[in-house]
Protein backbone atom coordinates (compact mmCIF):
# COMPACT_ATOMS: atom_id res chain seq x y z
CA MET A 1 -3.97 -6.75 -1.40
CA PRO A 2 -6.61 -4.60 0.38
CA ARG A 3 -9.02 -2.62 -1.72
CA ILE A 4 -8.89 1.17 -1.46
CA PRO A 5 -12.32 2.83 -1.21
CA PHE A 6 -13.30 5.03 -4.14
CA GLN A 7 -13.44 8.25 -2.09
CA LEU A 8 -9.96 7.66 -0.66
CA SER A 9 -8.43 6.89 -4.05
CA ARG A 10 -9.99 10.03 -5.51
CA LEU A 11 -8.65 12.09 -2.60
CA LEU A 12 -5.16 10.61 -2.91
CA ALA A 13 -5.13 11.31 -6.65
CA ARG A 14 -5.84 15.01 -6.02
CA PRO A 15 -4.87 15.97 -2.44
CA PRO A 16 -6.46 19.06 -0.88
CA THR A 17 -4.48 22.30 -0.99
CA LEU A 18 -4.01 24.80 1.81
CA PRO A 19 -4.88 28.48 1.31
CA SER A 20 -1.97 30.49 -0.10
CA THR A 21 -2.27 33.32 2.46
CA PRO A 22 -2.46 32.58 6.20
CA LEU A 23 -5.60 33.67 7.95
CA ARG A 24 -5.10 36.51 10.45
CA LEU A 25 -7.22 37.99 13.17
CA PRO A 26 -7.62 41.77 13.22
CA THR A 27 -4.84 43.41 15.20
CA LEU A 28 -5.51 45.48 18.28
CA SER A 29 -4.17 49.02 18.44
CA LEU A 30 -3.87 51.36 21.41
CA SER A 31 -5.38 54.39 19.64
CA ALA A 32 -8.54 52.56 18.56
CA SER A 33 -9.39 51.44 22.09
CA PRO A 34 -12.29 53.48 23.58
CA GLN A 35 -11.29 52.57 27.15
CA PRO A 36 -7.63 53.40 27.85
CA PHE A 37 -7.30 51.14 30.93
CA ARG A 38 -8.78 48.04 29.32
CA ARG A 39 -6.45 45.06 29.06
CA LEU A 40 -5.53 44.36 25.46
CA LEU A 41 -4.03 40.91 25.95
CA PRO A 42 -5.77 38.05 27.71
CA HIS A 43 -4.41 36.96 31.08
CA THR A 44 -1.45 34.62 31.06
CA PRO A 45 -2.59 31.01 31.14
CA PRO A 46 -1.20 28.76 33.89
CA SER A 47 1.58 26.17 33.54
CA GLY A 48 3.87 28.28 31.40
CA LEU A 49 1.77 28.45 28.23
CA LEU A 50 2.50 31.49 26.11
CA PRO A 51 -0.29 34.04 25.65
CA CYS A 52 -1.62 34.65 22.17
CA THR A 53 -0.16 37.88 20.79
CA ALA A 54 -1.98 40.14 18.37
CA HIS A 55 0.69 40.02 15.66
CA SER A 56 1.02 36.23 15.39
CA PRO A 57 -0.81 34.50 12.52
CA ILE A 58 -3.65 32.27 13.66
CA ILE A 59 -4.80 29.44 11.44
CA PRO A 60 -7.91 27.62 12.65
CA LEU A 61 -7.42 23.88 13.01
CA GLN A 62 -9.92 21.94 10.96
CA PRO A 63 -10.00 18.17 10.66
CA SER A 64 -8.53 16.90 7.43
CA PRO A 65 -10.88 15.09 5.04
CA ILE A 66 -8.29 12.33 4.78
CA CYS A 67 -8.71 11.56 8.50
CA ALA A 68 -12.47 11.30 8.11
CA LEU A 69 -12.11 8.78 5.29
CA LEU A 70 -9.58 6.71 7.18
CA GLN A 71 -11.85 6.55 10.21
CA GLN A 72 -14.71 5.34 8.06
CA VAL A 73 -12.56 2.56 6.63
CA ARG A 74 -11.24 1.69 10.08
CA HIS A 75 -14.69 0.86 11.40
CA LYS A 76 -15.75 -1.18 8.39
CA SER A 77 -17.57 -4.40 9.18
CA ARG A 78 -15.39 -7.50 9.23
CA GLY A 79 -15.92 -11.11 8.35
CA THR A 80 -15.33 -11.37 4.59
CA GLU A 81 -11.69 -12.54 4.75
CA TYR A 82 -12.15 -16.28 5.25
CA GLN A 83 -13.39 -18.11 2.17
CA PRO A 84 -13.03 -21.81 3.05
CA SER A 85 -11.68 -24.32 0.57
CA GLN A 86 -11.20 -28.00 1.38
CA ARG A 87 -8.38 -28.40 -1.13
CA LYS A 88 -6.28 -25.52 0.25
CA ARG A 89 -6.92 -26.59 3.84
CA LYS A 90 -5.81 -30.17 3.19
CA ARG A 91 -2.74 -29.07 1.22
CA LYS A 92 -1.54 -26.72 3.95
CA HIS A 93 -2.58 -28.52 7.15
CA GLY A 94 -3.30 -32.10 6.06
CA PHE A 95 -1.60 -35.25 7.30
CA LEU A 96 0.37 -35.85 4.08
CA SER A 97 1.77 -32.31 4.09
CA ARG A 98 2.83 -32.79 7.73
CA VAL A 99 4.58 -36.09 6.90
CA ARG A 100 6.45 -34.58 3.90
CA SER A 101 8.27 -31.83 5.81
CA VAL A 102 10.66 -32.05 8.78
CA ASN A 103 8.76 -29.45 10.82
CA GLY A 104 5.47 -31.17 9.95
CA ARG A 105 6.80 -34.42 11.37
CA LYS A 106 7.73 -32.53 14.54
CA VAL A 107 4.15 -31.22 14.77
CA LEU A 108 2.78 -34.77 14.45
CA GLN A 109 5.27 -36.02 17.07
CA ARG A 110 4.21 -33.29 19.54
CA ARG A 111 0.51 -33.99 18.98
CA ARG A 112 1.05 -37.75 19.48
CA ALA A 113 3.00 -37.08 22.70
CA LYS A 114 0.21 -34.87 23.99
CA GLY A 115 -2.37 -37.54 23.18
CA ARG A 116 -4.39 -35.63 20.60
CA LEU A 117 -7.20 -37.63 19.01
CA PHE A 118 -6.81 -35.84 15.66
CA LEU A 119 -3.22 -35.34 14.50
CA SER A 120 -4.08 -33.09 11.53
CA HIS A 121 -6.81 -32.30 8.99
């Protein structure tokens, strides 16, 4: 079972909460504009994207702290998985274990037919 880093387990125990009220930008009004012919809305973006209206709530997108922790774990250095043991290796891949099972005998037969020098461990 993989070990969960301390920071990730602490974050999963108490997940972050979002603000209760959505963040809004100040609304634009026609009477407050000093220049009457100034455009209030930005130009329409190409390819059918909707323009941002003044009355829609805008919440800034910030990266989640969970994503940052997962990326740190993702790029962790490797190489600690294989802990060699002669006893386990011989029991799983040895000649006697191959002879005991039907599929193991098929493995030995294929290796003999191919001309392998070593049939098993």
